[in-house]
Amino acid sequence: MEHPGLTVEWIVRGRVQGVGFRAYTAQCAREMRVMGWVANRRDGSVVVVAEGPVDALRGFEALVKRGPALARVDSLTETAMAPAGYTRFEIRQTT
């Protein structure tokens, strides 16, 4: 039986809005087979909720920290969450 992995929430701060960050994150998640969602926040940060095997999440985290070409990630804060059973990765409206 495969281990369900982890579910985490990342708050990403820096120049992460208006630079294609959500679309980049969604594409990376699909490539890494990570489920969950991404949304802008009213305070200018981005929230990413990601669920998957530990190795996939850590690889995804490295891509999120890098960001797309026009972005600048200053910090990423991680909070562990209870598994939610996401079946895809989506871009959500601003939270």
N, C-alpha and C. Protein backbone atom coordinates (compact mmCIF):
# COMPACT_ATOMS: atom_id res chain seq x y z
N MET A 1 0.84 -1.19 0.00
CA MET A 1 0.00 0.00 0.00
C MET A 1 0.88 1.25 0.00
N GLU A 2 0.61 2.17 -0.92
CA GLU A 2 1.40 3.39 -1.02
C GLU A 2 1.08 4.34 0.11
N HIS A 3 2.13 4.95 0.67
CA HIS A 3 1.95 5.93 1.73
C HIS A 3 1.28 7.17 1.14
N PRO A 4 0.27 7.72 1.82
CA PRO A 4 -0.46 8.86 1.27
C PRO A 4 0.36 10.13 1.15
N GLY A 5 1.48 10.20 1.88
CA GLY A 5 2.32 11.38 1.77
C GLY A 5 1.92 12.47 2.74
N LEU A 6 2.13 13.70 2.32
CA LEU A 6 1.89 14.85 3.17
C LEU A 6 0.93 15.83 2.52
N THR A 7 0.34 16.66 3.36
CA THR A 7 -0.42 17.81 2.89
C THR A 7 0.15 19.02 3.62
N VAL A 8 0.52 20.04 2.84
CA VAL A 8 1.11 21.24 3.43
C VAL A 8 0.46 22.48 2.83
N GLU A 9 0.53 23.56 3.61
CA GLU A 9 0.15 24.88 3.10
C GLU A 9 1.40 25.73 3.12
N TRP A 10 1.69 26.37 2.00
CA TRP A 10 2.82 27.29 1.92
C TRP A 10 2.29 28.69 1.68
N ILE A 11 2.78 29.65 2.43
CA ILE A 11 2.53 31.06 2.16
C ILE A 11 3.82 31.59 1.53
N VAL A 12 3.70 32.06 0.29
CA VAL A 12 4.86 32.50 -0.48
C VAL A 12 4.80 34.02 -0.57
N ARG A 13 5.90 34.66 -0.13
CA ARG A 13 5.96 36.12 -0.15
C ARG A 13 7.10 36.58 -1.03
N GLY A 14 6.93 37.77 -1.60
CA GLY A 14 7.92 38.36 -2.49
C GLY A 14 7.19 39.02 -3.64
N ARG A 15 7.80 39.04 -4.81
CA ARG A 15 7.11 39.52 -6.01
C ARG A 15 6.48 38.29 -6.65
N VAL A 16 5.28 37.96 -6.18
CA VAL A 16 4.64 36.70 -6.59
C VAL A 16 3.24 36.89 -7.17
N GLN A 17 2.81 38.14 -7.33
CA GLN A 17 1.54 38.40 -8.00
C GLN A 17 1.80 39.23 -9.25
N GLY A 18 1.03 38.94 -10.31
CA GLY A 18 1.19 39.68 -11.56
C GLY A 18 2.40 39.24 -12.38
N VAL A 19 2.96 38.08 -12.05
CA VAL A 19 4.16 37.59 -12.74
C VAL A 19 3.99 36.16 -13.26
N GLY A 20 2.75 35.67 -13.30
CA GLY A 20 2.50 34.31 -13.78
C GLY A 20 2.77 33.23 -12.75
N PHE A 21 2.84 33.61 -11.48
CA PHE A 21 3.21 32.66 -10.43
C PHE A 21 2.20 31.52 -10.29
N ARG A 22 0.91 31.84 -10.31
CA ARG A 22 -0.10 30.77 -10.14
C ARG A 22 -0.07 29.77 -11.29
N ALA A 23 0.02 30.27 -12.52
CA ALA A 23 0.05 29.36 -13.68
C ALA A 23 1.32 28.50 -13.64
N TYR A 24 2.46 29.11 -13.30
CA TYR A 24 3.71 28.38 -13.17
C TYR A 24 3.58 27.28 -12.11
N THR A 25 3.02 27.64 -10.96
CA THR A 25 2.87 26.68 -9.86
C THR A 25 1.97 25.52 -10.28
N ALA A 26 0.87 25.83 -10.95
CA ALA A 26 -0.05 24.78 -11.39
C ALA A 26 0.64 23.84 -12.38
N GLN A 27 1.42 24.40 -13.31
CA GLN A 27 2.13 23.56 -14.28
C GLN A 27 3.15 22.66 -13.59
N CYS A 28 3.90 23.23 -12.65
CA CYS A 28 4.89 22.44 -11.91
C CYS A 28 4.20 21.33 -11.10
N ALA A 29 3.08 21.64 -10.50
CA ALA A 29 2.35 20.64 -9.71
C ALA A 29 1.92 19.48 -10.59
N ARG A 30 1.42 19.79 -11.77
CA ARG A 30 0.99 18.72 -12.68
C ARG A 30 2.18 17.86 -13.10
N GLU A 31 3.32 18.50 -13.38
CA GLU A 31 4.52 17.75 -13.77
C GLU A 31 5.01 16.85 -12.63
N MET A 32 4.89 17.32 -11.40
CA MET A 32 5.36 16.56 -10.24
C MET A 32 4.29 15.62 -9.68
N ARG A 33 3.10 15.65 -10.27
CA ARG A 33 1.96 14.84 -9.82
C ARG A 33 1.57 15.16 -8.37
N VAL A 34 1.57 16.45 -8.08
CA VAL A 34 1.14 16.96 -6.78
C VAL A 34 -0.28 17.50 -6.94
N MET A 35 -1.13 17.24 -5.96
CA MET A 35 -2.52 17.70 -5.99
C MET A 35 -2.69 18.88 -5.04
N GLY A 36 -3.77 19.65 -5.23
CA GLY A 36 -4.06 20.76 -4.34
C GLY A 36 -4.51 21.99 -5.10
N TRP A 37 -4.07 23.16 -4.64
CA TRP A 37 -4.48 24.40 -5.29
C TRP A 37 -3.54 25.55 -4.95
N VAL A 38 -3.68 26.65 -5.72
CA VAL A 38 -2.90 27.87 -5.52
C VAL A 38 -3.84 29.05 -5.68
N ALA A 39 -3.62 30.11 -4.89
CA ALA A 39 -4.44 31.32 -4.99
C ALA A 39 -3.64 32.52 -4.52
N ASN A 40 -3.94 33.68 -5.12
CA ASN A 40 -3.40 34.93 -4.60
C ASN A 40 -4.11 35.25 -3.30
N ARG A 41 -3.43 36.00 -2.44
CA ARG A 41 -4.05 36.50 -1.22
C ARG A 41 -4.08 38.02 -1.27
N ARG A 42 -5.04 38.58 -0.60
CA ARG A 42 -5.22 40.04 -0.65
C ARG A 42 -4.01 40.80 -0.12
N ASP A 43 -3.18 40.17 0.70
CA ASP A 43 -2.01 40.86 1.26
C ASP A 43 -0.80 40.86 0.31
N GLY A 44 -0.99 40.34 -0.91
CA GLY A 44 0.09 40.32 -1.90
C GLY A 44 0.89 39.03 -1.94
N SER A 45 0.61 38.11 -1.02
CA SER A 45 1.29 36.82 -1.02
C SER A 45 0.47 35.83 -1.84
N VAL A 46 1.00 34.62 -1.96
CA VAL A 46 0.31 33.52 -2.64
C VAL A 46 0.24 32.35 -1.67
N VAL A 47 -0.90 31.67 -1.64
CA VAL A 47 -1.05 30.47 -0.82
C VAL A 47 -1.07 29.26 -1.75
N VAL A 48 -0.30 28.24 -1.38
CA VAL A 48 -0.24 26.98 -2.11
C VAL A 48 -0.59 25.87 -1.13
N VAL A 49 -1.60 25.08 -1.45
CA VAL A 49 -1.91 23.88 -0.67
C VAL A 49 -1.53 22.70 -1.55
N ALA A 50 -0.63 21.87 -1.06
CA ALA A 50 -0.08 20.78 -1.86
C ALA A 50 -0.15 19.47 -1.11
N GLU A 51 -0.49 18.42 -1.85
CA GLU A 51 -0.65 17.09 -1.26
C GLU A 51 0.01 16.07 -2.17
N GLY A 52 0.81 15.19 -1.58
CA GLY A 52 1.45 14.16 -2.38
C GLY A 52 2.55 13.46 -1.61
N PRO A 53 3.24 12.55 -2.27
CA PRO A 53 4.36 11.85 -1.64
C PRO A 53 5.44 12.85 -1.22
N VAL A 54 6.14 12.54 -0.15
CA VAL A 54 7.15 13.44 0.40
C VAL A 54 8.16 13.87 -0.65
N ASP A 55 8.70 12.93 -1.42
CA ASP A 55 9.71 13.27 -2.43
C ASP A 55 9.16 14.23 -3.47
N ALA A 56 7.93 14.00 -3.92
CA ALA A 56 7.31 14.88 -4.91
C ALA A 56 7.09 16.27 -4.32
N LEU A 57 6.65 16.33 -3.07
CA LEU A 57 6.41 17.63 -2.44
C LEU A 57 7.70 18.42 -2.28
N ARG A 58 8.78 17.76 -1.92
CA ARG A 58 10.04 18.48 -1.73
C ARG A 58 10.58 18.97 -3.07
N GLY A 59 10.41 18.18 -4.13
CA GLY A 59 10.79 18.65 -5.46
C GLY A 59 9.93 19.82 -5.91
N PHE A 60 8.64 19.74 -5.65
CA PHE A 60 7.70 20.81 -5.98
C PHE A 60 8.06 22.07 -5.19
N GLU A 61 8.38 21.91 -3.91
CA GLU A 61 8.76 23.04 -3.07
C GLU A 61 9.95 23.79 -3.67
N ALA A 62 10.94 23.06 -4.15
CA ALA A 62 12.11 23.70 -4.75
C ALA A 62 11.72 24.53 -5.98
N LEU A 63 10.78 24.02 -6.78
CA LEU A 63 10.31 24.76 -7.96
C LEU A 63 9.53 26.00 -7.54
N VAL A 64 8.69 25.88 -6.51
CA VAL A 64 7.91 27.02 -6.03
C VAL A 64 8.86 28.10 -5.49
N LYS A 65 9.89 27.69 -4.77
CA LYS A 65 10.85 28.67 -4.24
C LYS A 65 11.58 29.40 -5.36
N ARG A 66 11.81 28.72 -6.48
CA ARG A 66 12.47 29.36 -7.61
C ARG A 66 11.52 30.33 -8.31
N GLY A 67 10.28 29.88 -8.54
CA GLY A 67 9.28 30.71 -9.19
C GLY A 67 9.56 30.91 -10.67
N PRO A 68 8.62 31.53 -11.38
CA PRO A 68 8.82 31.84 -12.79
C PRO A 68 9.83 32.97 -12.95
N ALA A 69 10.24 33.24 -14.18
CA ALA A 69 11.32 34.19 -14.47
C ALA A 69 11.13 35.57 -13.85
N LEU A 70 9.91 36.11 -13.87
CA LEU A 70 9.69 37.47 -13.39
C LEU A 70 9.43 37.56 -11.89
N ALA A 71 9.31 36.42 -11.23
CA ALA A 71 9.00 36.41 -9.79
C ALA A 71 10.27 36.53 -8.95
N ARG A 72 10.06 36.89 -7.69
CA ARG A 72 11.13 36.87 -6.69
C ARG A 72 10.50 36.34 -5.41
N VAL A 73 10.93 35.18 -4.97
CA VAL A 73 10.42 34.59 -3.74
C VAL A 73 11.34 35.00 -2.59
N ASP A 74 10.78 35.74 -1.64
CA ASP A 74 11.54 36.18 -0.47
C ASP A 74 11.43 35.19 0.68
N SER A 75 10.26 34.57 0.82
CA SER A 75 10.08 33.59 1.90
C SER A 75 8.96 32.62 1.56
N LEU A 76 9.07 31.45 2.16
CA LEU A 76 8.03 30.41 2.04
C LEU A 76 7.85 29.84 3.44
N THR A 77 6.64 29.98 3.97
CA THR A 77 6.32 29.48 5.30
C THR A 77 5.45 28.24 5.15
N GLU A 78 5.83 27.15 5.80
CA GLU A 78 5.11 25.88 5.67
C GLU A 78 4.33 25.54 6.93
N THR A 79 3.10 25.08 6.72
CA THR A 79 2.26 24.57 7.80
C THR A 79 1.74 23.21 7.38
N ALA A 80 1.91 22.19 8.22
CA ALA A 80 1.36 20.86 7.93
C ALA A 80 -0.15 20.90 8.09
N MET A 81 -0.84 20.14 7.25
CA MET A 81 -2.31 20.09 7.28
C MET A 81 -2.76 18.64 7.27
N ALA A 82 -4.01 18.43 7.64
CA ALA A 82 -4.62 17.11 7.53
C ALA A 82 -4.85 16.80 6.05
N PRO A 83 -4.68 15.55 5.63
CA PRO A 83 -4.93 15.19 4.23
C PRO A 83 -6.36 15.53 3.83
N ALA A 84 -6.51 16.03 2.60
CA ALA A 84 -7.83 16.42 2.10
C ALA A 84 -8.29 15.55 0.94
N GLY A 85 -7.39 14.74 0.38
CA GLY A 85 -7.79 13.87 -0.72
C GLY A 85 -8.00 14.58 -2.04
N TYR A 86 -7.23 15.62 -2.31
CA TYR A 86 -7.36 16.33 -3.59
C TYR A 86 -7.09 15.36 -4.74
N THR A 87 -7.79 15.56 -5.85
CA THR A 87 -7.63 14.68 -7.01
C THR A 87 -7.05 15.41 -8.21
N ARG A 88 -6.80 16.72 -8.07
CA ARG A 88 -6.19 17.51 -9.14
C ARG A 88 -5.56 18.74 -8.52
N PHE A 89 -4.91 19.55 -9.34
CA PHE A 89 -4.33 20.81 -8.87
C PHE A 89 -5.02 21.93 -9.64
N GLU A 90 -5.50 22.94 -8.91
CA GLU A 90 -6.25 24.00 -9.57
C GLU A 90 -5.81 25.38 -9.12
N ILE A 91 -6.11 26.36 -9.96
CA ILE A 91 -5.90 27.77 -9.62
C ILE A 91 -7.23 28.27 -9.09
N ARG A 92 -7.20 28.85 -7.89
CA ARG A 92 -8.41 29.39 -7.27
C ARG A 92 -8.40 30.90 -7.28
N GLN A 93 -9.57 31.45 -7.01
CA GLN A 93 -9.71 32.90 -6.93
C GLN A 93 -8.99 33.42 -5.69
N THR A 94 -8.75 34.70 -5.63
CA THR A 94 -8.08 35.35 -4.50
C THR A 94 -8.80 35.03 -3.20
N THR A 95 -7.99 34.72 -2.18
CA THR A 95 -8.56 34.40 -0.86
C THR A 95 -8.35 35.55 0.10
